[in-house]
N, C-alpha and C. Protein backbone atom coordinates (compact mmCIF):
# COMPACT_ATOMS: atom_id res chain seq x y z
N UNK A 1 150.28 105.31 182.42
CA UNK A 1 149.26 105.26 181.66
C UNK A 1 148.39 106.39 180.89
N UNK A 2 148.50 106.13 179.42
CA UNK A 2 147.80 107.61 179.24
C UNK A 2 146.05 107.00 178.59
N UNK A 3 145.53 108.14 178.64
CA UNK A 3 144.31 108.40 178.81
C UNK A 3 143.40 107.60 177.52
N UNK A 4 144.26 107.43 176.31
CA UNK A 4 143.93 106.57 175.73
C UNK A 4 144.32 104.88 175.88
N UNK A 5 145.38 105.00 175.92
CA UNK A 5 145.43 103.10 176.51
C UNK A 5 144.65 102.94 177.26
N UNK A 6 144.85 103.60 178.99
CA UNK A 6 144.00 103.10 179.74
C UNK A 6 142.62 102.63 179.41
N UNK A 7 142.38 103.64 178.46
CA UNK A 7 140.73 103.55 177.96
C UNK A 7 140.15 102.39 176.96
N UNK A 8 141.08 102.01 176.02
CA UNK A 8 141.41 101.04 174.84
C UNK A 8 141.50 99.64 175.07
N UNK A 9 142.47 99.54 176.70
CA UNK A 9 143.18 97.95 176.80
C UNK A 9 141.95 97.08 177.00
N UNK A 10 142.13 95.41 176.73
CA UNK A 10 141.46 94.94 177.62
C UNK A 10 140.12 94.52 176.75
N UNK A 11 139.46 95.40 175.84
CA UNK A 11 138.19 95.59 174.81
C UNK A 11 137.97 94.02 174.39
N UNK A 12 136.51 93.73 174.42
CA UNK A 12 136.24 92.60 173.78
C UNK A 12 136.38 92.48 172.39
N UNK A 13 136.71 91.37 171.65
CA UNK A 13 136.30 91.62 170.28
C UNK A 13 134.99 91.27 169.88
N UNK A 14 134.91 92.52 168.56
CA UNK A 14 133.65 92.38 168.36
C UNK A 14 133.53 92.36 167.03
N UNK A 15 132.10 91.63 165.98
CA UNK A 15 132.14 91.61 165.01
C UNK A 15 131.18 93.13 163.82
N UNK A 16 132.01 92.91 162.57
CA UNK A 16 131.53 93.87 162.21
C UNK A 16 130.04 93.82 161.66
N UNK A 17 129.50 92.91 161.79
CA UNK A 17 127.73 93.50 162.12
C UNK A 17 127.73 94.24 163.51
N UNK A 18 128.24 93.26 164.24
CA UNK A 18 127.55 93.95 166.32
C UNK A 18 128.45 95.45 165.62
N UNK A 19 128.85 95.83 165.54
CA UNK A 19 129.21 97.02 165.03
C UNK A 19 127.64 97.99 163.99
N UNK A 20 127.91 97.28 163.49
CA UNK A 20 126.46 98.17 162.24
C UNK A 20 125.03 97.84 163.37
N UNK A 21 124.95 96.71 163.42
CA UNK A 21 123.64 96.75 164.40
C UNK A 21 123.78 97.82 165.51
N UNK A 22 124.88 98.29 166.24
CA UNK A 22 125.18 99.03 167.53
C UNK A 22 125.10 100.61 166.79
N UNK A 23 125.56 100.49 165.62
CA UNK A 23 125.20 101.92 165.00
C UNK A 23 123.71 102.32 164.15
N UNK A 24 123.34 101.37 164.40
CA UNK A 24 121.92 101.26 163.73
C UNK A 24 121.05 101.69 164.86
N UNK A 25 121.47 101.42 166.03
CA UNK A 25 120.49 101.57 167.64
C UNK A 25 120.94 102.80 167.86
N UNK A 26 122.29 103.68 167.80
CA UNK A 26 122.70 104.83 168.14
C UNK A 26 121.80 106.50 167.14
N UNK A 27 121.81 105.57 166.26
CA UNK A 27 121.06 107.01 165.09
C UNK A 27 120.05 106.82 165.34
N UNK A 28 119.21 105.54 165.77
CA UNK A 28 117.89 105.47 165.69
C UNK A 28 117.65 105.77 167.34
N UNK A 29 118.38 106.30 168.19
CA UNK A 29 118.36 106.40 169.95
C UNK A 29 118.71 108.23 169.77
N UNK A 30 119.20 108.92 168.83
CA UNK A 30 119.94 109.36 168.64
C UNK A 30 118.86 110.64 167.74
N UNK A 31 118.09 110.09 166.70
CA UNK A 31 116.73 110.62 166.30
C UNK A 31 115.75 110.83 167.41
N UNK A 32 115.39 109.78 168.04
CA UNK A 32 114.33 109.88 169.27
C UNK A 32 114.36 110.49 170.51
N UNK A 33 116.41 111.20 170.69
CA UNK A 33 116.00 111.99 171.21
C UNK A 33 117.10 113.02 171.31
N UNK A 34 117.27 113.89 170.44
CA UNK A 34 117.62 114.65 169.87
C UNK A 34 118.32 115.44 170.97
N UNK A 35 117.81 116.08 172.18
CA UNK A 35 118.29 116.91 173.20
C UNK A 35 119.02 116.22 174.46
N UNK A 36 118.79 115.09 174.31
CA UNK A 36 119.67 114.17 175.31
C UNK A 36 120.84 114.60 175.79
N UNK A 37 120.85 115.47 176.92
CA UNK A 37 122.30 115.66 177.83
C UNK A 37 122.19 115.32 179.08
N UNK A 38 123.26 115.77 179.93
CA UNK A 38 123.08 115.12 180.95
C UNK A 38 122.22 116.14 181.74
N UNK A 39 121.81 115.26 183.03
CA UNK A 39 120.20 116.19 183.27
C UNK A 39 120.77 116.86 185.02
N UNK A 40 121.99 116.52 184.88
CA UNK A 40 122.55 117.20 186.51
C UNK A 40 122.87 119.19 186.18
N UNK A 41 121.85 119.76 186.79
CA UNK A 41 122.60 121.09 186.83
C UNK A 41 123.98 121.05 187.39
N UNK A 42 124.04 122.72 186.52
CA UNK A 42 125.89 122.76 186.73
C UNK A 42 126.75 123.90 185.83
N UNK A 43 127.44 124.81 186.57
CA UNK A 43 128.19 125.47 185.64
C UNK A 43 129.35 125.29 185.98
N UNK A 44 130.62 125.00 186.69
CA UNK A 44 131.52 124.57 186.12
C UNK A 44 131.99 123.08 186.82
N UNK A 45 133.35 122.82 186.13
CA UNK A 45 133.24 121.60 186.40
C UNK A 45 133.22 120.74 188.28
N UNK A 46 133.47 121.78 189.14
CA UNK A 46 133.36 121.25 190.13
C UNK A 46 132.31 121.65 190.61
N UNK A 47 131.20 121.83 190.13
CA UNK A 47 129.43 121.67 190.20
C UNK A 47 129.25 120.68 190.09
N UNK A 48 130.12 119.93 188.67
CA UNK A 48 129.45 119.00 188.07
C UNK A 48 129.55 117.61 189.04
N UNK A 49 130.97 117.69 189.54
CA UNK A 49 131.89 117.03 190.33
C UNK A 49 131.06 116.63 191.75
N UNK A 50 130.69 117.95 192.11
CA UNK A 50 129.73 117.46 193.19
C UNK A 50 128.25 117.27 193.13
N UNK A 51 128.04 117.56 192.02
CA UNK A 51 126.07 116.71 191.60
C UNK A 51 126.60 115.46 191.41
N UNK A 52 127.28 115.28 190.81
CA UNK A 52 127.51 113.74 190.68
C UNK A 52 127.80 112.60 192.17
N UNK A 53 128.73 112.70 192.42
CA UNK A 53 129.08 112.83 193.84
C UNK A 53 127.95 112.54 194.71
N UNK A 54 126.69 113.92 194.75
CA UNK A 54 125.78 113.83 195.23
C UNK A 54 124.13 112.74 195.05
N UNK A 55 124.61 112.73 193.25
CA UNK A 55 123.91 111.61 192.94
C UNK A 55 123.51 110.19 193.37
N UNK A 56 124.74 110.14 193.20
CA UNK A 56 124.76 108.32 194.30
C UNK A 56 123.77 107.76 195.14
N UNK A 57 123.19 106.96 194.56
CA UNK A 57 121.82 106.16 194.84
C UNK A 57 120.64 107.23 194.89
N UNK A 58 120.55 108.69 194.66
CA UNK A 58 118.96 109.53 194.54
C UNK A 58 119.39 109.79 193.38
N UNK A 59 117.91 110.64 193.07
CA UNK A 59 117.67 110.60 191.79
C UNK A 59 118.23 112.26 191.12
N UNK A 60 118.48 112.49 189.68
CA UNK A 60 118.97 113.96 189.24
C UNK A 60 118.02 114.97 189.94
N UNK A 61 116.46 114.45 190.16
CA UNK A 61 115.79 115.69 190.24
C UNK A 61 115.81 116.23 191.60
N UNK A 62 116.19 115.46 192.35
CA UNK A 62 116.51 115.91 193.90
C UNK A 62 117.49 116.34 193.73
N UNK A 63 118.93 115.72 193.23
CA UNK A 63 120.04 116.48 193.15
C UNK A 63 119.89 117.97 192.57
N UNK A 64 119.32 118.10 191.79
CA UNK A 64 119.13 119.52 191.35
C UNK A 64 118.22 120.91 192.17
N UNK A 65 117.17 120.32 193.14
CA UNK A 65 116.87 120.82 193.77
C UNK A 65 117.55 121.31 195.19
N UNK A 66 118.73 120.52 195.63
CA UNK A 66 119.54 121.20 196.38
C UNK A 66 120.87 121.90 196.17
N UNK A 67 121.10 121.75 195.13
CA UNK A 67 122.17 122.02 194.85
C UNK A 67 122.32 123.42 194.14
N UNK A 68 121.03 124.40 193.81
CA UNK A 68 121.57 125.65 194.38
C UNK A 68 122.06 126.52 195.19
N UNK A 69 121.43 126.29 195.96
CA UNK A 69 121.50 126.69 197.62
C UNK A 69 122.58 126.38 198.21
N UNK A 70 123.05 125.09 197.52
CA UNK A 70 124.63 124.93 198.16
C UNK A 70 125.70 125.37 197.78
N UNK A 71 125.25 125.55 196.06
CA UNK A 71 126.57 126.06 195.25
C UNK A 71 126.29 127.82 195.49
N UNK A 72 125.28 128.29 195.95
CA UNK A 72 125.68 129.42 196.60
C UNK A 72 126.31 129.87 197.83
N UNK A 73 126.39 128.77 198.29
CA UNK A 73 126.60 128.90 199.95
C UNK A 73 128.20 128.16 199.50
N UNK A 74 128.37 128.04 198.93
CA UNK A 74 130.39 127.52 198.41
C UNK A 74 130.51 127.54 196.92
N UNK A 75 131.11 129.17 196.48
CA UNK A 75 131.00 129.71 195.27
C UNK A 75 132.17 128.59 194.77
N UNK A 76 133.27 128.48 195.35
CA UNK A 76 134.75 127.72 194.84
C UNK A 76 134.95 126.48 195.84
N UNK A 77 135.75 125.92 194.76
CA UNK A 77 136.33 124.45 196.02
C UNK A 77 136.88 124.99 197.10
N UNK A 78 137.52 126.02 196.99
CA UNK A 78 138.15 126.88 198.76
C UNK A 78 137.48 126.95 199.63
N UNK A 79 136.40 126.90 199.08
CA UNK A 79 135.13 127.79 200.05
C UNK A 79 134.59 126.13 200.90
N UNK A 80 134.42 125.21 199.88
CA UNK A 80 134.09 124.34 200.87
C UNK A 80 135.61 123.34 201.44
N UNK A 81 136.49 123.54 200.64
CA UNK A 81 137.64 123.52 201.81
C UNK A 81 137.90 124.09 203.43
N UNK A 82 137.32 124.89 202.75
CA UNK A 82 137.63 126.12 204.29
C UNK A 82 136.23 125.99 205.44
N UNK A 83 135.79 125.22 204.89
CA UNK A 83 134.62 124.27 205.74
C UNK A 83 134.38 123.53 206.58
N UNK A 84 133.58 122.55 207.21
CA UNK A 84 133.51 121.68 207.10
C UNK A 84 132.52 120.84 206.95
N UNK A 85 132.40 119.34 207.04
CA UNK A 85 131.18 118.50 206.34
C UNK A 85 129.90 119.19 207.02
N UNK A 86 130.09 119.03 208.41
CA UNK A 86 128.36 119.84 209.04
C UNK A 86 128.58 120.80 209.26
N UNK A 87 128.98 121.69 208.01
CA UNK A 87 128.59 123.08 207.14
C UNK A 87 128.09 122.86 206.13
N UNK A 88 128.28 121.74 205.53
CA UNK A 88 127.70 121.12 204.31
C UNK A 88 125.99 120.72 204.46
N UNK A 89 126.13 119.61 205.90
CA UNK A 89 125.06 118.99 205.72
C UNK A 89 123.66 119.45 205.21
N UNK A 90 123.40 120.58 206.56
CA UNK A 90 122.16 121.24 206.59
C UNK A 90 121.64 121.29 204.36
N UNK A 91 122.52 121.45 203.77
CA UNK A 91 121.85 121.87 202.70
C UNK A 91 121.47 120.86 201.87
N UNK A 92 122.35 119.97 201.85
CA UNK A 92 121.88 118.43 201.17
C UNK A 92 121.22 117.41 202.29
N UNK A 93 120.75 118.00 203.10
CA UNK A 93 119.94 117.05 204.23
C UNK A 93 119.31 116.40 203.07
N UNK A 94 118.26 116.51 202.21
CA UNK A 94 117.10 116.67 201.93
C UNK A 94 117.83 114.58 200.37
N UNK A 95 118.73 114.56 200.70
CA UNK A 95 119.38 114.08 199.39
C UNK A 95 120.25 112.51 200.62
N UNK A 96 119.99 111.39 200.10
CA UNK A 96 120.53 110.39 200.84
C UNK A 96 121.80 109.74 200.93
N UNK A 97 121.68 109.70 202.14
CA UNK A 97 123.13 109.29 202.88
C UNK A 97 124.28 110.69 202.58
N UNK A 98 123.28 111.77 203.33
CA UNK A 98 124.30 112.83 203.18
C UNK A 98 125.31 113.38 203.58
N UNK A 99 125.31 112.50 204.91
CA UNK A 99 126.52 112.70 205.87
C UNK A 99 127.69 112.43 205.17
N UNK A 100 127.78 110.88 204.79
CA UNK A 100 128.96 110.69 204.08
C UNK A 100 129.23 111.61 202.81
N UNK A 101 127.96 111.70 201.82
CA UNK A 101 128.71 113.06 201.12
C UNK A 101 128.90 113.97 201.27
N UNK A 102 128.64 114.51 202.60
CA UNK A 102 129.32 115.68 203.12
C UNK A 102 130.13 115.81 203.40
N UNK A 103 131.08 114.80 203.73
CA UNK A 103 132.07 114.19 203.70
C UNK A 103 133.61 113.94 202.75
N UNK A 104 132.95 113.28 201.69
CA UNK A 104 133.27 113.81 200.60
C UNK A 104 133.40 114.45 199.74
N UNK A 105 132.23 115.20 199.78
CA UNK A 105 132.64 116.72 198.82
C UNK A 105 133.42 117.39 199.98
N UNK A 106 133.88 117.55 201.36
CA UNK A 106 134.51 118.40 201.69
C UNK A 106 136.50 117.53 201.42
N UNK A 107 136.31 116.61 201.83
CA UNK A 107 137.34 116.28 201.43
C UNK A 107 138.21 115.90 199.48
N UNK A 108 136.86 116.01 198.87
CA UNK A 108 137.31 115.94 197.20
C UNK A 108 137.95 117.23 197.50
N UNK A 109 137.15 118.43 197.21
CA UNK A 109 137.32 119.51 197.32
C UNK A 109 138.84 120.50 198.11
N UNK A 110 138.83 119.47 199.27
CA UNK A 110 140.28 120.04 199.93
C UNK A 110 141.60 119.69 198.85
N UNK A 111 140.97 118.48 198.28
CA UNK A 111 142.50 117.78 197.54
C UNK A 111 142.61 118.85 196.57
N UNK A 112 141.32 118.91 196.05
CA UNK A 112 141.41 120.41 194.50
C UNK A 112 142.26 121.57 195.02
N UNK A 113 142.14 121.75 196.57
CA UNK A 113 142.80 123.25 196.81
C UNK A 113 144.40 123.11 196.62
N UNK A 114 144.26 121.75 197.75
CA UNK A 114 145.98 121.34 198.08
C UNK A 114 146.84 120.92 196.58
N UNK A 115 146.21 119.95 196.20
CA UNK A 115 146.59 119.21 194.77
C UNK A 115 146.69 119.68 193.59
N UNK A 116 145.47 120.76 193.31
CA UNK A 116 145.22 120.99 191.99
C UNK A 116 145.08 122.08 191.24
N UNK A 117 145.18 123.45 192.52
CA UNK A 117 144.99 124.66 192.45
C UNK A 117 143.81 125.39 192.57
N UNK A 118 143.20 124.50 193.37
CA UNK A 118 141.73 124.35 192.88
C UNK A 118 140.95 124.15 191.45
N UNK A 119 141.08 123.35 190.73
CA UNK A 119 140.57 123.18 189.40
C UNK A 119 140.50 121.82 189.58
N UNK A 120 139.35 121.32 188.39
CA UNK A 120 139.22 119.77 188.82
C UNK A 120 140.34 119.13 188.06
N UNK A 121 141.06 118.39 188.06
CA UNK A 121 141.99 117.52 186.99
C UNK A 121 140.74 117.08 185.56
N UNK A 122 141.77 116.97 184.62
CA UNK A 122 140.95 115.98 183.69
C UNK A 122 141.68 114.84 183.29
N UNK A 123 141.55 113.79 184.43
CA UNK A 123 142.41 112.65 183.98
C UNK A 123 141.64 111.96 184.58
N UNK A 124 141.32 110.70 184.20
CA UNK A 124 140.80 109.35 185.40
C UNK A 124 141.30 109.52 186.54
N UNK A 125 142.82 109.33 185.92
CA UNK A 125 144.15 108.91 187.41
C UNK A 125 143.96 110.00 188.73
N UNK A 126 143.53 110.69 188.29
CA UNK A 126 143.28 112.40 189.15
C UNK A 126 142.42 112.33 189.74
N UNK A 127 141.58 112.13 188.92
CA UNK A 127 139.97 112.28 189.37
C UNK A 127 139.28 110.84 190.64
N UNK A 128 140.45 110.02 190.22
CA UNK A 128 139.90 108.61 191.16
C UNK A 128 140.49 109.00 192.51
N UNK A 129 141.43 109.50 192.58
CA UNK A 129 142.00 109.67 194.23
C UNK A 129 141.05 111.10 194.72
N UNK A 130 139.81 111.11 194.09
CA UNK A 130 139.67 111.93 195.14
C UNK A 130 138.57 111.05 195.64
N UNK A 131 138.11 111.75 197.01
CA UNK A 131 136.73 110.77 197.75
C UNK A 131 135.79 111.08 197.01
N UNK A 132 135.10 110.28 197.27
CA UNK A 132 133.90 109.71 196.99
C UNK A 132 133.47 109.87 195.22
N UNK A 133 135.05 109.78 194.31
CA UNK A 133 134.91 109.53 192.87
C UNK A 133 135.63 107.76 192.54
N UNK A 134 134.48 107.27 192.00
CA UNK A 134 134.76 106.44 191.39
C UNK A 134 134.96 106.09 189.43
N UNK A 135 134.35 105.15 188.52
CA UNK A 135 134.97 105.74 187.54
C UNK A 135 133.49 105.83 187.41
N UNK A 136 132.67 105.54 187.28
CA UNK A 136 131.37 106.13 186.54
C UNK A 136 130.96 107.74 186.93
N UNK A 137 131.57 108.21 188.16
CA UNK A 137 131.52 109.63 188.36
C UNK A 137 132.72 110.52 187.62
N UNK A 138 133.79 109.82 187.49
CA UNK A 138 135.17 109.99 186.81
C UNK A 138 134.79 110.62 184.88
N UNK A 139 133.24 109.44 184.60
CA UNK A 139 133.09 109.64 183.32
C UNK A 139 132.32 110.43 182.46
N UNK A 140 131.67 110.74 184.05
CA UNK A 140 130.85 112.04 183.86
C UNK A 140 131.44 113.24 183.81
N UNK A 141 131.96 113.01 184.85
CA UNK A 141 132.70 114.34 184.92
C UNK A 141 134.28 114.71 183.39
N UNK A 142 134.46 113.94 183.36
CA UNK A 142 135.34 113.69 181.74
C UNK A 142 134.70 114.24 180.59
N UNK A 143 133.98 113.40 180.56
CA UNK A 143 132.43 113.52 179.19
C UNK A 143 131.99 115.15 179.29
N UNK A 144 131.50 115.53 180.20
CA UNK A 144 130.64 116.15 180.01
C UNK A 144 131.02 117.66 180.52
N UNK A 145 131.77 118.12 181.61
CA UNK A 145 132.89 119.13 181.63
C UNK A 145 134.17 119.34 180.64
N UNK A 146 134.76 117.81 180.07
CA UNK A 146 136.00 118.39 179.51
C UNK A 146 136.07 118.32 177.72
N UNK A 147 134.79 117.25 177.61
CA UNK A 147 134.66 116.71 176.45
C UNK A 147 135.32 115.77 176.18
N UNK A 148 136.22 114.55 176.99
CA UNK A 148 137.22 113.97 176.98
C UNK A 148 136.22 112.79 177.36
N UNK A 149 136.47 111.77 176.03
CA UNK A 149 135.78 110.50 175.96
C UNK A 149 136.93 109.37 176.52
N UNK A 150 136.67 108.89 177.96
CA UNK A 150 137.92 107.71 178.38
C UNK A 150 136.91 106.59 178.86
N UNK A 151 135.34 106.68 178.62
CA UNK A 151 134.96 105.48 179.50
C UNK A 151 133.14 105.65 178.74
N UNK A 152 132.17 105.36 179.53
CA UNK A 152 130.59 105.30 178.91
C UNK A 152 130.56 105.03 180.33
N UNK A 153 129.11 105.85 180.72
CA UNK A 153 128.53 105.99 182.44
C UNK A 153 127.84 104.85 182.65
N UNK A 154 128.18 104.27 183.35
CA UNK A 154 127.00 102.74 183.06
C UNK A 154 126.06 102.94 184.34
N UNK A 155 124.82 103.43 184.18
CA UNK A 155 124.07 103.11 185.60
C UNK A 155 122.92 102.64 185.74
N UNK A 156 122.01 102.80 185.86
CA UNK A 156 120.86 101.41 186.10
C UNK A 156 120.38 101.17 184.74
N UNK A 157 119.83 103.06 184.05
CA UNK A 157 119.43 102.79 182.87
C UNK A 157 120.12 102.34 182.04
N UNK A 158 121.49 102.43 182.03
CA UNK A 158 122.41 101.97 180.68
C UNK A 158 122.79 100.47 180.69
N UNK A 159 122.74 100.37 181.65
CA UNK A 159 123.10 98.79 182.18
C UNK A 159 122.00 97.81 181.73
N UNK A 160 120.83 99.00 182.04
CA UNK A 160 118.89 98.08 181.51
C UNK A 160 119.04 97.70 180.22
N UNK A 161 118.97 98.91 179.15
CA UNK A 161 118.86 99.21 177.72
C UNK A 161 119.95 98.42 177.27
N UNK A 162 121.14 98.57 177.86
CA UNK A 162 121.97 97.81 176.68
C UNK A 162 121.83 96.13 177.09
N UNK A 163 121.46 96.01 178.27
CA UNK A 163 121.15 94.74 177.91
C UNK A 163 119.39 93.69 177.43
N UNK A 164 118.55 95.26 177.97
CA UNK A 164 117.95 94.36 176.43
C UNK A 164 117.89 94.45 175.24
N UNK A 165 118.27 95.73 174.75
CA UNK A 165 118.79 95.83 173.47
C UNK A 165 119.92 94.77 173.11
N UNK A 166 120.11 93.55 173.65
CA UNK A 166 121.54 92.76 173.32
C UNK A 166 122.88 93.22 172.92
N UNK A 167 122.95 94.98 173.00
CA UNK A 167 124.69 95.30 173.56
C UNK A 167 125.73 94.47 174.48
N UNK A 168 125.11 93.86 175.22
CA UNK A 168 125.56 93.01 176.82
C UNK A 168 124.98 92.17 177.07
N UNK A 169 126.39 91.03 177.62
CA UNK A 169 125.67 89.84 178.09
C UNK A 169 126.05 89.81 179.25
N UNK A 170 127.21 91.14 179.61
CA UNK A 170 128.08 90.54 180.70
C UNK A 170 126.94 91.26 182.16
N UNK A 171 127.15 90.88 183.21
CA UNK A 171 126.25 91.30 184.11
C UNK A 171 126.87 92.49 185.48
N UNK A 172 128.12 92.69 185.40
CA UNK A 172 128.80 93.95 185.96
C UNK A 172 129.05 94.96 185.58
N UNK A 173 128.60 96.20 186.22
CA UNK A 173 129.00 97.08 185.48
C UNK A 173 130.36 97.49 184.69
N UNK A 174 131.57 96.86 185.50
CA UNK A 174 132.41 97.18 184.32
C UNK A 174 133.06 96.54 183.20
N UNK A 175 132.52 95.42 183.02
CA UNK A 175 132.49 94.88 181.90
C UNK A 175 131.38 94.71 180.85
N UNK A 176 130.12 95.44 181.35
CA UNK A 176 128.82 96.40 180.43
C UNK A 176 129.85 97.37 179.89
N UNK A 177 130.45 98.27 180.85
CA UNK A 177 131.38 99.31 180.09
C UNK A 177 131.88 99.07 179.39
N UNK A 178 132.72 97.92 179.35
CA UNK A 178 133.74 97.34 178.23
C UNK A 178 133.22 96.98 176.51
N UNK A 179 131.71 96.78 177.17
CA UNK A 179 131.35 95.89 175.95
C UNK A 179 130.85 96.93 175.08
N UNK A 180 130.23 98.11 175.81
CA UNK A 180 129.57 99.39 175.00
C UNK A 180 131.06 100.00 174.49
N UNK A 181 132.07 100.15 174.85
CA UNK A 181 133.38 100.92 174.60
C UNK A 181 133.89 100.24 173.37
N UNK A 182 133.51 98.93 173.26
CA UNK A 182 134.50 98.34 172.17
C UNK A 182 133.02 98.14 171.40
N UNK A 183 132.22 98.57 171.63
CA UNK A 183 130.68 98.50 169.83
C UNK A 183 130.69 99.64 169.45
N UNK A 184 130.85 101.09 170.14
CA UNK A 184 130.45 102.36 169.97
C UNK A 184 131.93 103.20 169.48
N UNK A 185 132.17 103.61 168.43
CA UNK A 185 133.22 104.90 168.19
C UNK A 185 133.55 105.25 170.23
N UNK A 186 134.86 105.63 169.95
CA UNK A 186 135.14 106.68 171.34
C UNK A 186 134.26 108.03 170.84
N UNK A 187 134.11 108.65 169.95
CA UNK A 187 133.61 110.30 170.24
C UNK A 187 132.03 109.78 170.30
N UNK A 188 131.59 108.65 170.50
CA UNK A 188 130.09 108.83 170.74
C UNK A 188 130.21 108.24 172.35
N UNK A 189 131.15 107.75 173.29
CA UNK A 189 130.82 107.20 174.67
C UNK A 189 129.93 107.77 175.09
N UNK A 190 130.07 109.61 175.20
CA UNK A 190 129.20 110.29 176.83
C UNK A 190 127.98 110.19 175.87
N UNK A 191 127.84 110.81 174.54
CA UNK A 191 126.22 110.81 174.46
C UNK A 191 125.81 109.70 174.29
N UNK A 192 126.60 108.49 173.89
CA UNK A 192 125.79 106.91 174.07
C UNK A 192 124.82 107.14 175.13
N UNK A 193 125.84 107.24 176.33
CA UNK A 193 124.99 107.04 177.92
C UNK A 193 123.82 108.14 178.19
N UNK A 194 123.78 109.47 177.69
CA UNK A 194 122.82 110.34 177.53
C UNK A 194 122.00 109.44 176.72
N UNK A 195 121.66 109.36 175.56
CA UNK A 195 120.86 108.76 175.09
C UNK A 195 120.64 106.91 175.48
N UNK A 196 120.76 106.04 175.87
CA UNK A 196 120.23 104.85 176.59
C UNK A 196 119.15 105.50 178.06
N UNK A 197 119.99 107.02 178.57
CA UNK A 197 119.31 106.92 179.71
C UNK A 197 118.10 107.87 179.37
N UNK A 198 118.10 108.43 178.43
CA UNK A 198 116.95 108.96 177.44
C UNK A 198 115.74 108.57 177.39
N UNK A 199 116.06 107.12 176.68
CA UNK A 199 115.12 105.67 176.79
C UNK A 199 115.12 104.91 177.52
N UNK A 200 115.29 104.84 178.40
CA UNK A 200 115.51 103.97 179.79
C UNK A 200 114.16 104.69 180.97
N UNK A 201 114.58 106.25 180.74
CA UNK A 201 113.21 106.92 181.55
C UNK A 201 112.24 107.27 180.65
N UNK A 202 112.26 107.43 178.96
CA UNK A 202 110.78 107.27 178.18
C UNK A 202 110.09 106.66 178.69
N UNK A 203 110.32 105.16 178.17
CA UNK A 203 110.02 103.99 177.42
C UNK A 203 110.48 102.43 177.93
N UNK A 204 111.86 102.24 177.39
CA UNK A 204 112.12 100.87 178.69
C UNK A 204 112.31 101.51 180.15
N UNK A 205 111.61 101.04 180.70
CA UNK A 205 111.51 101.78 181.81
C UNK A 205 111.90 100.28 182.69
N UNK A 206 112.45 100.01 184.20
CA UNK A 206 112.46 98.90 184.68
C UNK A 206 111.11 98.60 185.13
N UNK A 207 110.74 99.59 185.48
CA UNK A 207 108.77 99.05 185.47
C UNK A 207 107.88 99.88 185.31
N UNK A 208 106.37 99.00 184.86
CA UNK A 208 105.91 99.53 183.98
C UNK A 208 106.07 99.71 182.48
N UNK A 209 106.99 99.64 182.13
CA UNK A 209 107.31 100.05 180.45
C UNK A 209 106.26 100.23 179.64
N UNK A 210 107.03 101.39 178.51
CA UNK A 210 106.31 101.25 177.24
C UNK A 210 106.74 101.16 176.42
N UNK A 211 107.60 99.78 176.37
CA UNK A 211 107.98 99.10 175.38
C UNK A 211 106.81 98.77 174.41
N UNK A 212 105.77 98.38 174.69
CA UNK A 212 104.80 98.33 172.78
C UNK A 212 104.01 99.43 172.47
N UNK A 213 104.54 100.72 172.99
CA UNK A 213 104.18 101.84 172.24
C UNK A 213 105.20 102.46 171.74
N UNK A 214 106.35 101.81 171.64
CA UNK A 214 107.59 102.20 171.54
C UNK A 214 108.59 101.67 170.47
N UNK A 215 109.01 102.38 168.94
CA UNK A 215 109.50 101.99 167.71
C UNK A 215 110.24 101.28 168.06
N UNK A 216 111.44 101.79 168.87
CA UNK A 216 112.42 101.67 169.20
C UNK A 216 113.18 100.47 170.01
N UNK A 217 111.52 99.65 170.95
CA UNK A 217 111.69 98.72 171.84
C UNK A 217 111.29 97.27 170.52
N UNK A 218 110.01 97.87 170.12
CA UNK A 218 110.02 96.41 169.04
C UNK A 218 110.92 96.06 168.10
N UNK A 219 111.53 96.99 167.64
CA UNK A 219 112.43 96.45 167.27
C UNK A 219 114.04 96.05 167.25
N UNK A 220 114.16 96.50 168.60
CA UNK A 220 115.48 95.92 169.39
C UNK A 220 115.68 95.29 170.63
N UNK A 221 114.53 95.63 171.46
CA UNK A 221 114.46 95.52 172.74
C UNK A 221 114.15 94.04 173.16
N UNK A 222 114.26 92.78 174.09
CA UNK A 222 114.44 91.57 174.32
C UNK A 222 114.19 91.12 175.61
N UNK A 223 113.03 92.27 175.98
CA UNK A 223 112.47 92.41 177.76
C UNK A 223 111.63 91.81 177.68
N UNK A 224 111.23 91.17 178.57
CA UNK A 224 110.23 90.14 178.69
C UNK A 224 108.53 90.66 177.90
N UNK A 225 108.16 92.45 177.93
CA UNK A 225 106.94 92.30 177.53
C UNK A 225 107.04 92.94 176.03
N UNK A 226 108.27 92.77 175.73
CA UNK A 226 108.58 92.61 174.33
C UNK A 226 108.82 91.98 173.48
N UNK A 227 108.85 90.51 174.02
CA UNK A 227 108.65 89.42 173.88
C UNK A 227 107.23 88.62 173.93
N UNK A 228 106.58 89.11 174.71
CA UNK A 228 105.03 88.35 174.98
C UNK A 228 104.12 89.47 173.27
N UNK A 229 105.12 90.62 173.18
CA UNK A 229 103.77 91.53 172.71
C UNK A 229 103.93 91.36 171.01
């Protein structure tokens, strides 16, 4: 199945009014966060892949503190493949689940060397064959390293803001992603995640939100703090 068909199948039906509202929200977010981008530091596709694997249940700030030494010690996928998970562990010991993540990094880099000539593949199907890579990670890599919009990255921020802004009524990551894909044009999918994450970090936080101070929240948010204001 091609990336295009895989990305567009089984999407919910949306109304013109819902898509127009989504477009207004996107424009407002874009104006509020013109510099929104991927928060992980990387120089190459394989560095982004590794950083994203490390970011699972960890903060981007914590990952960015660990990766400079890691990337310096292992400059290429072949360097990881020639090492062992135990060689990788001391460099990522500050990150949660570092033992499992060291195995995922080692095995994913080994597969790149063995099956992809040491290059990160640019298809969803091939990325999902790598250890430690699920759809969210694959979307991060495809969208940011290759500029390929196959889906929308749904993390805790995206899930929270999409729900509070009434862009979805769904409860699972898979269905939230499909709802967002149906509302927003494909070329905007990657940037949409960056914008929602930026807003989640700056204003519409899970705890102690600043919704009462934020014009976007006052206009679009339906959280309990906005309802009470």
